[in-house]
Amino acid sequence: MATREDVEHLKCDWASDGTWDLETTEGFEEYREELLVFRLQTEAEWRQRRQAALERKAEELGVPGNVKLAEYVLQLERRLDKMGDALDRLYR
């Protein structure tokens, strides 16, 4: 049986990864509802933070409210960062 400490540890693990449905974790069936609520609340917070970041980026770009453009620019910046990292590793 999972302890309260196990549940809190599971929540932290999920929050750092978030690639599975937390509430379906084997061995934590008795905490299903709590874990579902936690997952849904955390995902909502992540969406709010993402939206706020996109709105800030749009402002920074001089196109307030154009979150689609901001999202595209952020994607391009991430791709450029990855390319720069790859070049750094190649030429070390």
PDB file of N, CA and C in Angstrom:
ATOM      1  N   MET A   1       0.837  -1.176   0.000  1.00  0.00           N
ATOM      2  CA  MET A   1       0.000   0.000   0.000  1.00  0.00           C
ATOM      3  C   MET A   1       0.893   1.253   0.000  1.00  0.00           C
ATOM      4  N   ALA A   2       0.543   2.202  -0.828  1.00  0.00           N
ATOM      5  CA  ALA A   2       1.315   3.436  -0.944  1.00  0.00           C
ATOM      6  C   ALA A   2       1.053   4.334   0.264  1.00  0.00           C
ATOM      7  N   THR A   3       2.112   4.974   0.730  1.00  0.00           N
ATOM      8  CA  THR A   3       1.992   5.902   1.859  1.00  0.00           C
ATOM      9  C   THR A   3       1.787   7.326   1.334  1.00  0.00           C
ATOM     10  N   ARG A   4       1.473   8.233   2.222  1.00  0.00           N
ATOM     11  CA  ARG A   4       1.332   9.650   1.878  1.00  0.00           C
ATOM     12  C   ARG A   4       2.640  10.158   1.276  1.00  0.00           C
ATOM     13  N   GLU A   5       3.754   9.741   1.856  1.00  0.00           N
ATOM     14  CA  GLU A   5       5.064  10.154   1.333  1.00  0.00           C
ATOM     15  C   GLU A   5       5.253   9.638  -0.094  1.00  0.00           C
ATOM     16  N   ASP A   6       4.833   8.408  -0.352  1.00  0.00           N
ATOM     17  CA  ASP A   6       4.921   7.838  -1.698  1.00  0.00           C
ATOM     18  C   ASP A   6       4.101   8.663  -2.690  1.00  0.00           C
ATOM     19  N   VAL A   7       2.904   9.084  -2.272  1.00  0.00           N
ATOM     20  CA  VAL A   7       2.026   9.871  -3.144  1.00  0.00           C
ATOM     21  C   VAL A   7       2.682  11.207  -3.481  1.00  0.00           C
ATOM     22  N   GLU A   8       3.231  11.864  -2.487  1.00  0.00           N
ATOM     23  CA  GLU A   8       3.877  13.160  -2.724  1.00  0.00           C
ATOM     24  C   GLU A   8       5.107  12.995  -3.615  1.00  0.00           C
ATOM     25  N   HIS A   9       5.841  11.928  -3.421  1.00  0.00           N
ATOM     26  CA  HIS A   9       7.010  11.648  -4.272  1.00  0.00           C
ATOM     27  C   HIS A   9       6.557  11.388  -5.709  1.00  0.00           C
ATOM     28  N   LEU A  10       5.485  10.623  -5.864  1.00  0.00           N
ATOM     29  CA  LEU A  10       4.939  10.344  -7.193  1.00  0.00           C
ATOM     30  C   LEU A  10       4.522  11.642  -7.892  1.00  0.00           C
ATOM     31  N   LYS A  11       3.867  12.523  -7.159  1.00  0.00           N
ATOM     32  CA  LYS A  11       3.442  13.807  -7.737  1.00  0.00           C
ATOM     33  C   LYS A  11       4.643  14.600  -8.233  1.00  0.00           C
ATOM     34  N   CYS A  12       5.705  14.620  -7.435  1.00  0.00           N
ATOM     35  CA  CYS A  12       6.924  15.348  -7.842  1.00  0.00           C
ATOM     36  C   CYS A  12       7.545  14.716  -9.088  1.00  0.00           C
ATOM     37  N   ASP A  13       7.600  13.390  -9.110  1.00  0.00           N
ATOM     38  CA  ASP A  13       8.146  12.702 -10.284  1.00  0.00           C
ATOM     39  C   ASP A  13       7.329  13.037 -11.524  1.00  0.00           C
ATOM     40  N   TRP A  14       6.019  12.986 -11.386  1.00  0.00           N
ATOM     41  CA  TRP A  14       5.147  13.273 -12.529  1.00  0.00           C
ATOM     42  C   TRP A  14       5.317  14.721 -12.987  1.00  0.00           C
ATOM     43  N   ALA A  15       5.383  15.650 -12.023  1.00  0.00           N
ATOM     44  CA  ALA A  15       5.489  17.069 -12.375  1.00  0.00           C
ATOM     45  C   ALA A  15       6.780  17.370 -13.137  1.00  0.00           C
ATOM     46  N   SER A  16       7.812  16.577 -12.915  1.00  0.00           N
ATOM     47  CA  SER A  16       9.063  16.819 -13.638  1.00  0.00           C
ATOM     48  C   SER A  16       9.075  16.136 -15.001  1.00  0.00           C
ATOM     49  N   ASP A  17       8.115  15.256 -15.244  1.00  0.00           N
ATOM     50  CA  ASP A  17       8.056  14.513 -16.500  1.00  0.00           C
ATOM     51  C   ASP A  17       6.710  14.729 -17.178  1.00  0.00           C
ATOM     52  N   GLY A  18       5.631  14.363 -16.520  1.00  0.00           N
ATOM     53  CA  GLY A  18       4.283  14.609 -17.022  1.00  0.00           C
ATOM     54  C   GLY A  18       3.901  13.888 -18.296  1.00  0.00           C
ATOM     55  N   THR A  19       4.516  12.740 -18.546  1.00  0.00           N
ATOM     56  CA  THR A  19       4.236  12.056 -19.806  1.00  0.00           C
ATOM     57  C   THR A  19       3.270  10.887 -19.665  1.00  0.00           C
ATOM     58  N   TRP A  20       2.656  10.748 -18.500  1.00  0.00           N
ATOM     59  CA  TRP A  20       1.682   9.678 -18.315  1.00  0.00           C
ATOM     60  C   TRP A  20       0.502  10.207 -17.514  1.00  0.00           C
ATOM     61  N   ASP A  21      -0.583   9.483 -17.561  1.00  0.00           N
ATOM     62  CA  ASP A  21      -1.759   9.859 -16.778  1.00  0.00           C
ATOM     63  C   ASP A  21      -1.511   9.444 -15.333  1.00  0.00           C
ATOM     64  N   LEU A  22      -1.182  10.412 -14.522  1.00  0.00           N
ATOM     65  CA  LEU A  22      -0.776  10.198 -13.137  1.00  0.00           C
ATOM     66  C   LEU A  22      -1.740   9.303 -12.370  1.00  0.00           C
ATOM     67  N   GLU A  23      -3.021   9.533 -12.559  1.00  0.00           N
ATOM     68  CA  GLU A  23      -4.031   8.832 -11.761  1.00  0.00           C
ATOM     69  C   GLU A  23      -4.142   7.344 -12.095  1.00  0.00           C
ATOM     70  N   THR A  24      -3.485   6.908 -13.149  1.00  0.00           N
ATOM     71  CA  THR A  24      -3.541   5.489 -13.511  1.00  0.00           C
ATOM     72  C   THR A  24      -2.288   4.724 -13.077  1.00  0.00           C
ATOM     73  N   THR A  25      -1.447   5.368 -12.280  1.00  0.00           N
ATOM     74  CA  THR A  25      -0.211   4.735 -11.831  1.00  0.00           C
ATOM     75  C   THR A  25      -0.517   3.504 -10.977  1.00  0.00           C
ATOM     76  N   GLU A  26       0.062   2.401 -11.371  1.00  0.00           N
ATOM     77  CA  GLU A  26      -0.153   1.147 -10.655  1.00  0.00           C
ATOM     78  C   GLU A  26       0.352   1.253  -9.217  1.00  0.00           C
ATOM     79  N   GLY A  27      -0.437   0.726  -8.292  1.00  0.00           N
ATOM     80  CA  GLY A  27      -0.076   0.749  -6.884  1.00  0.00           C
ATOM     81  C   GLY A  27      -0.634   1.947  -6.135  1.00  0.00           C
ATOM     82  N   PHE A  28      -1.251   2.884  -6.868  1.00  0.00           N
ATOM     83  CA  PHE A  28      -1.792   4.098  -6.254  1.00  0.00           C
ATOM     84  C   PHE A  28      -3.301   4.222  -6.514  1.00  0.00           C
ATOM     85  N   GLU A  29      -3.949   3.087  -6.713  1.00  0.00           N
ATOM     86  CA  GLU A  29      -5.363   3.083  -7.069  1.00  0.00           C
ATOM     87  C   GLU A  29      -6.225   3.805  -6.037  1.00  0.00           C
ATOM     88  N   GLU A  30      -5.899   3.664  -4.754  1.00  0.00           N
ATOM     89  CA  GLU A  30      -6.720   4.287  -3.718  1.00  0.00           C
ATOM     90  C   GLU A  30      -6.589   5.820  -3.712  1.00  0.00           C
ATOM     91  N   TYR A  31      -5.622   6.339  -4.423  1.00  0.00           N
ATOM     92  CA  TYR A  31      -5.413   7.792  -4.510  1.00  0.00           C
ATOM     93  C   TYR A  31      -5.820   8.347  -5.872  1.00  0.00           C
ATOM     94  N   ARG A  32      -6.510   7.529  -6.653  1.00  0.00           N
ATOM     95  CA  ARG A  32      -6.869   7.893  -8.030  1.00  0.00           C
ATOM     96  C   ARG A  32      -7.497   9.277  -8.144  1.00  0.00           C
ATOM     97  N   GLU A  33      -8.502   9.564  -7.344  1.00  0.00           N
ATOM     98  CA  GLU A  33      -9.192  10.858  -7.446  1.00  0.00           C
ATOM     99  C   GLU A  33      -8.262  12.012  -7.092  1.00  0.00           C
ATOM    100  N   GLU A  34      -7.502  11.872  -6.031  1.00  0.00           N
ATOM    101  CA  GLU A  34      -6.550  12.917  -5.631  1.00  0.00           C
ATOM    102  C   GLU A  34      -5.523  13.169  -6.734  1.00  0.00           C
ATOM    103  N   LEU A  35      -5.016  12.097  -7.311  1.00  0.00           N
ATOM    104  CA  LEU A  35      -4.015  12.223  -8.363  1.00  0.00           C
ATOM    105  C   LEU A  35      -4.601  12.834  -9.632  1.00  0.00           C
ATOM    106  N   LEU A  36      -5.836  12.500  -9.950  1.00  0.00           N
ATOM    107  CA  LEU A  36      -6.505  13.091 -11.107  1.00  0.00           C
ATOM    108  C   LEU A  36      -6.666  14.596 -10.918  1.00  0.00           C
ATOM    109  N   VAL A  37      -7.140  14.997  -9.741  1.00  0.00           N
ATOM    110  CA  VAL A  37      -7.305  16.425  -9.451  1.00  0.00           C
ATOM    111  C   VAL A  37      -5.964  17.143  -9.545  1.00  0.00           C
ATOM    112  N   PHE A  38      -4.927  16.544  -8.970  1.00  0.00           N
ATOM    113  CA  PHE A  38      -3.594  17.150  -9.026  1.00  0.00           C
ATOM    114  C   PHE A  38      -3.129  17.303 -10.466  1.00  0.00           C
ATOM    115  N   ARG A  39      -3.295  16.245 -11.264  1.00  0.00           N
ATOM    116  CA  ARG A  39      -2.859  16.312 -12.670  1.00  0.00           C
ATOM    117  C   ARG A  39      -3.599  17.397 -13.431  1.00  0.00           C
ATOM    118  N   LEU A  40      -4.909  17.439 -13.286  1.00  0.00           N
ATOM    119  CA  LEU A  40      -5.700  18.434 -14.024  1.00  0.00           C
ATOM    120  C   LEU A  40      -5.355  19.853 -13.597  1.00  0.00           C
ATOM    121  N   GLN A  41      -5.179  20.068 -12.297  1.00  0.00           N
ATOM    122  CA  GLN A  41      -4.810  21.409 -11.819  1.00  0.00           C
ATOM    123  C   GLN A  41      -3.426  21.810 -12.310  1.00  0.00           C
ATOM    124  N   THR A  42      -2.494  20.883 -12.256  1.00  0.00           N
ATOM    125  CA  THR A  42      -1.130  21.185 -12.685  1.00  0.00           C
ATOM    126  C   THR A  42      -1.082  21.466 -14.181  1.00  0.00           C
ATOM    127  N   GLU A  43      -1.790  20.677 -14.967  1.00  0.00           N
ATOM    128  CA  GLU A  43      -1.824  20.922 -16.410  1.00  0.00           C
ATOM    129  C   GLU A  43      -2.466  22.268 -16.722  1.00  0.00           C
ATOM    130  N   ALA A  44      -3.488  22.655 -15.979  1.00  0.00           N
ATOM    131  CA  ALA A  44      -4.114  23.967 -16.176  1.00  0.00           C
ATOM    132  C   ALA A  44      -3.123  25.086 -15.854  1.00  0.00           C
ATOM    133  N   GLU A  45      -2.348  24.915 -14.781  1.00  0.00           N
ATOM    134  CA  GLU A  45      -1.323  25.905 -14.436  1.00  0.00           C
ATOM    135  C   GLU A  45      -0.271  25.998 -15.530  1.00  0.00           C
ATOM    136  N   TRP A  46       0.137  24.844 -16.060  1.00  0.00           N
ATOM    137  CA  TRP A  46       1.121  24.849 -17.148  1.00  0.00           C
ATOM    138  C   TRP A  46       0.583  25.591 -18.359  1.00  0.00           C
ATOM    139  N   ARG A  47      -0.684  25.366 -18.701  1.00  0.00           N
ATOM    140  CA  ARG A  47      -1.286  26.065 -19.853  1.00  0.00           C
ATOM    141  C   ARG A  47      -1.332  27.575 -19.604  1.00  0.00           C
ATOM    142  N   GLN A  48      -1.684  27.974 -18.380  1.00  0.00           N
ATOM    143  CA  GLN A  48      -1.734  29.401 -18.055  1.00  0.00           C
ATOM    144  C   GLN A  48      -0.350  30.035 -18.161  1.00  0.00           C
ATOM    145  N   ARG A  49       0.656  29.346 -17.653  1.00  0.00           N
ATOM    146  CA  ARG A  49       2.030  29.872 -17.745  1.00  0.00           C
ATOM    147  C   ARG A  49       2.485  29.977 -19.189  1.00  0.00           C
ATOM    148  N   ARG A  50       2.152  28.963 -19.966  1.00  0.00           N
ATOM    149  CA  ARG A  50       2.516  28.962 -21.396  1.00  0.00           C
ATOM    150  C   ARG A  50       1.850  30.127 -22.114  1.00  0.00           C
ATOM    151  N   GLN A  51       0.566  30.326 -21.839  1.00  0.00           N
ATOM    152  CA  GLN A  51      -0.172  31.430 -22.463  1.00  0.00           C
ATOM    153  C   GLN A  51       0.433  32.773 -22.075  1.00  0.00           C
ATOM    154  N   ALA A  52       0.769  32.927 -20.795  1.00  0.00           N
ATOM    155  CA  ALA A  52       1.371  34.173 -20.320  1.00  0.00           C
ATOM    156  C   ALA A  52       2.727  34.402 -20.995  1.00  0.00           C
ATOM    157  N   ALA A  53       3.511  33.344 -21.149  1.00  0.00           N
ATOM    158  CA  ALA A  53       4.818  33.470 -21.815  1.00  0.00           C
ATOM    159  C   ALA A  53       4.640  33.871 -23.272  1.00  0.00           C
ATOM    160  N   LEU A  54       3.642  33.301 -23.936  1.00  0.00           N
ATOM    161  CA  LEU A  54       3.377  33.664 -25.331  1.00  0.00           C
ATOM    162  C   LEU A  54       2.928  35.119 -25.437  1.00  0.00           C
ATOM    163  N   GLU A  55       2.108  35.551 -24.524  1.00  0.00           N
ATOM    164  CA  GLU A  55       1.651  36.946 -24.548  1.00  0.00           C
ATOM    165  C   GLU A  55       2.810  37.905 -24.299  1.00  0.00           C
ATOM    166  N   ARG A  56       3.713  37.542 -23.374  1.00  0.00           N
ATOM    167  CA  ARG A  56       4.903  38.380 -23.134  1.00  0.00           C
ATOM    168  C   ARG A  56       5.781  38.443 -24.376  1.00  0.00           C
ATOM    169  N   LYS A  57       5.960  37.287 -25.028  1.00  0.00           N
ATOM    170  CA  LYS A  57       6.793  37.244 -26.235  1.00  0.00           C
ATOM    171  C   LYS A  57       6.169  38.090 -27.341  1.00  0.00           C
ATOM    172  N   ALA A  58       4.864  38.020 -27.490  1.00  0.00           N
ATOM    173  CA  ALA A  58       4.181  38.826 -28.503  1.00  0.00           C
ATOM    174  C   ALA A  58       4.398  40.315 -28.229  1.00  0.00           C
ATOM    175  N   GLU A  59       4.302  40.707 -26.967  1.00  0.00           N
ATOM    176  CA  GLU A  59       4.568  42.105 -26.594  1.00  0.00           C
ATOM    177  C   GLU A  59       6.003  42.481 -26.954  1.00  0.00           C
ATOM    178  N   GLU A  60       6.940  41.604 -26.608  1.00  0.00           N
ATOM    179  CA  GLU A  60       8.353  41.833 -26.881  1.00  0.00           C
ATOM    180  C   GLU A  60       8.610  41.999 -28.376  1.00  0.00           C
ATOM    181  N   LEU A  61       7.875  41.244 -29.180  1.00  0.00           N
ATOM    182  CA  LEU A  61       8.035  41.315 -30.630  1.00  0.00           C
ATOM    183  C   LEU A  61       7.332  42.520 -31.242  1.00  0.00           C
ATOM    184  N   GLY A  62       6.550  43.210 -30.435  1.00  0.00           N
ATOM    185  CA  GLY A  62       5.830  44.381 -30.941  1.00  0.00           C
ATOM    186  C   GLY A  62       4.530  44.037 -31.634  1.00  0.00           C
ATOM    187  N   VAL A  63       4.017  42.837 -31.364  1.00  0.00           N
ATOM    188  CA  VAL A  63       2.747  42.407 -31.952  1.00  0.00           C
ATOM    189  C   VAL A  63       1.825  41.896 -30.839  1.00  0.00           C
ATOM    190  N   PRO A  64       1.430  42.784 -29.935  1.00  0.00           N
ATOM    191  CA  PRO A  64       0.631  42.341 -28.793  1.00  0.00           C
ATOM    192  C   PRO A  64      -0.602  41.555 -29.228  1.00  0.00           C
ATOM    193  N   GLY A  65      -0.820  40.445 -28.535  1.00  0.00           N
ATOM    194  CA  GLY A  65      -1.982  39.627 -28.827  1.00  0.00           C
ATOM    195  C   GLY A  65      -1.768  38.575 -29.893  1.00  0.00           C
ATOM    196  N   ASN A  66      -0.696  38.679 -30.661  1.00  0.00           N
ATOM    197  CA  ASN A  66      -0.456  37.715 -31.732  1.00  0.00           C
ATOM    198  C   ASN A  66       0.357  36.536 -31.177  1.00  0.00           C
ATOM    199  N   VAL A  67      -0.333  35.683 -30.424  1.00  0.00           N
ATOM    200  CA  VAL A  67       0.363  34.574 -29.777  1.00  0.00           C
ATOM    201  C   VAL A  67       0.798  33.497 -30.770  1.00  0.00           C
ATOM    202  N   LYS A  68       0.123  33.409 -31.899  1.00  0.00           N
ATOM    203  CA  LYS A  68       0.547  32.429 -32.913  1.00  0.00           C
ATOM    204  C   LYS A  68       1.934  32.780 -33.449  1.00  0.00           C
ATOM    205  N   LEU A  69       2.148  34.048 -33.738  1.00  0.00           N
ATOM    206  CA  LEU A  69       3.465  34.480 -34.198  1.00  0.00           C
ATOM    207  C   LEU A  69       4.496  34.284 -33.095  1.00  0.00           C
ATOM    208  N   ALA A  70       4.136  34.624 -31.875  1.00  0.00           N
ATOM    209  CA  ALA A  70       5.055  34.455 -30.749  1.00  0.00           C
ATOM    210  C   ALA A  70       5.435  32.990 -30.586  1.00  0.00           C
ATOM    211  N   GLU A  71       4.470  32.098 -30.723  1.00  0.00           N
ATOM    212  CA  GLU A  71       4.746  30.674 -30.603  1.00  0.00           C
ATOM    213  C   GLU A  71       5.696  30.213 -31.705  1.00  0.00           C
ATOM    214  N   TYR A  72       5.478  30.694 -32.913  1.00  0.00           N
ATOM    215  CA  TYR A  72       6.335  30.346 -34.042  1.00  0.00           C
ATOM    216  C   TYR A  72       7.766  30.837 -33.797  1.00  0.00           C
ATOM    217  N   VAL A  73       7.907  32.061 -33.319  1.00  0.00           N
ATOM    218  CA  VAL A  73       9.230  32.617 -33.052  1.00  0.00           C
ATOM    219  C   VAL A  73       9.932  31.813 -31.954  1.00  0.00           C
ATOM    220  N   LEU A  74       9.206  31.449 -30.903  1.00  0.00           N
ATOM    221  CA  LEU A  74       9.795  30.647 -29.837  1.00  0.00           C
ATOM    222  C   LEU A  74      10.251  29.281 -30.351  1.00  0.00           C
ATOM    223  N   GLN A  75       9.480  28.684 -31.234  1.00  0.00           N
ATOM    224  CA  GLN A  75       9.873  27.402 -31.829  1.00  0.00           C
ATOM    225  C   GLN A  75      11.158  27.564 -32.637  1.00  0.00           C
ATOM    226  N   LEU A  76      11.227  28.642 -33.409  1.00  0.00           N
ATOM    227  CA  LEU A  76      12.441  28.903 -34.190  1.00  0.00           C
ATOM    228  C   LEU A  76      13.641  29.122 -33.277  1.00  0.00           C
ATOM    229  N   GLU A  77      13.443  29.865 -32.195  1.00  0.00           N
ATOM    230  CA  GLU A  77      14.539  30.105 -31.253  1.00  0.00           C
ATOM    231  C   GLU A  77      15.033  28.800 -30.628  1.00  0.00           C
ATOM    232  N   ARG A  78      14.113  27.906 -30.284  1.00  0.00           N
ATOM    233  CA  ARG A  78      14.511  26.610 -29.717  1.00  0.00           C
ATOM    234  C   ARG A  78      15.301  25.794 -30.743  1.00  0.00           C
ATOM    235  N   ARG A  79      14.843  25.819 -31.985  1.00  0.00           N
ATOM    236  CA  ARG A  79      15.554  25.082 -33.029  1.00  0.00           C
ATOM    237  C   ARG A  79      16.959  25.641 -33.224  1.00  0.00           C
ATOM    238  N   LEU A  80      17.084  26.961 -33.217  1.00  0.00           N
ATOM    239  CA  LEU A  80      18.404  27.584 -33.356  1.00  0.00           C
ATOM    240  C   LEU A  80      19.304  27.233 -32.177  1.00  0.00           C
ATOM    241  N   ASP A  81      18.745  27.212 -30.967  1.00  0.00           N
ATOM    242  CA  ASP A  81      19.521  26.825 -29.789  1.00  0.00           C
ATOM    243  C   ASP A  81      20.039  25.399 -29.931  1.00  0.00           C
ATOM    244  N   LYS A  82      19.167  24.494 -30.385  1.00  0.00           N
ATOM    245  CA  LYS A  82      19.582  23.098 -30.565  1.00  0.00           C
ATOM    246  C   LYS A  82      20.675  22.989 -31.613  1.00  0.00           C
ATOM    247  N   MET A  83      20.538  23.752 -32.692  1.00  0.00           N
ATOM    248  CA  MET A  83      21.562  23.730 -33.736  1.00  0.00           C
ATOM    249  C   MET A  83      22.882  24.272 -33.202  1.00  0.00           C
ATOM    250  N   GLY A  84      22.813  25.326 -32.412  1.00  0.00           N
ATOM    251  CA  GLY A  84      24.022  25.887 -31.809  1.00  0.00           C
ATOM    252  C   GLY A  84      24.684  24.904 -30.869  1.00  0.00           C
ATOM    253  N   ASP A  85      23.869  24.194 -30.071  1.00  0.00           N
ATOM    254  CA  ASP A  85      24.414  23.178 -29.167  1.00  0.00           C
ATOM    255  C   ASP A  85      25.093  22.063 -29.953  1.00  0.00           C
ATOM    256  N   ALA A  86      24.455  21.644 -31.041  1.00  0.00           N
ATOM    257  CA  ALA A  86      25.023  20.575 -31.867  1.00  0.00           C
ATOM    258  C   ALA A  86      26.346  21.022 -32.465  1.00  0.00           C
ATOM    259  N   LEU A  87      26.424  22.262 -32.931  1.00  0.00           N
ATOM    260  CA  LEU A  87      27.685  22.780 -33.489  1.00  0.00           C
ATOM    261  C   LEU A  87      28.755  22.889 -32.420  1.00  0.00           C
ATOM    262  N   ASP A  88      28.362  23.308 -31.218  1.00  0.00           N
ATOM    263  CA  ASP A  88      29.330  23.385 -30.122  1.00  0.00           C
ATOM    264  C   ASP A  88      29.928  22.017 -29.826  1.00  0.00           C
ATOM    265  N   ARG A  89      29.072  20.999 -29.792  1.00  0.00           N
ATOM    266  CA  ARG A  89      29.573  19.639 -29.521  1.00  0.00           C
ATOM    267  C   ARG A  89      30.465  19.158 -30.657  1.00  0.00           C
ATOM    268  N   LEU A  90      30.110  19.503 -31.859  1.00  0.00           N
ATOM    269  CA  LEU A  90      30.883  19.057 -33.029  1.00  0.00           C
ATOM    270  C   LEU A  90      32.265  19.671 -33.059  1.00  0.00           C
ATOM    271  N   TYR A  91      32.381  20.927 -32.654  1.00  0.00           N
ATOM    272  CA  TYR A  91      33.647  21.646 -32.787  1.00  0.00           C
ATOM    273  C   TYR A  91      34.383  21.825 -31.476  1.00  0.00           C
ATOM    274  N   ARG A  92      34.099  20.999 -30.489  1.00  0.00           N
ATOM    275  CA  ARG A  92      34.871  21.047 -29.229  1.00  0.00           C
ATOM    276  C   ARG A  92      36.193  20.416 -29.372  1.00  0.00           C
TER     277      ARG A  92
END
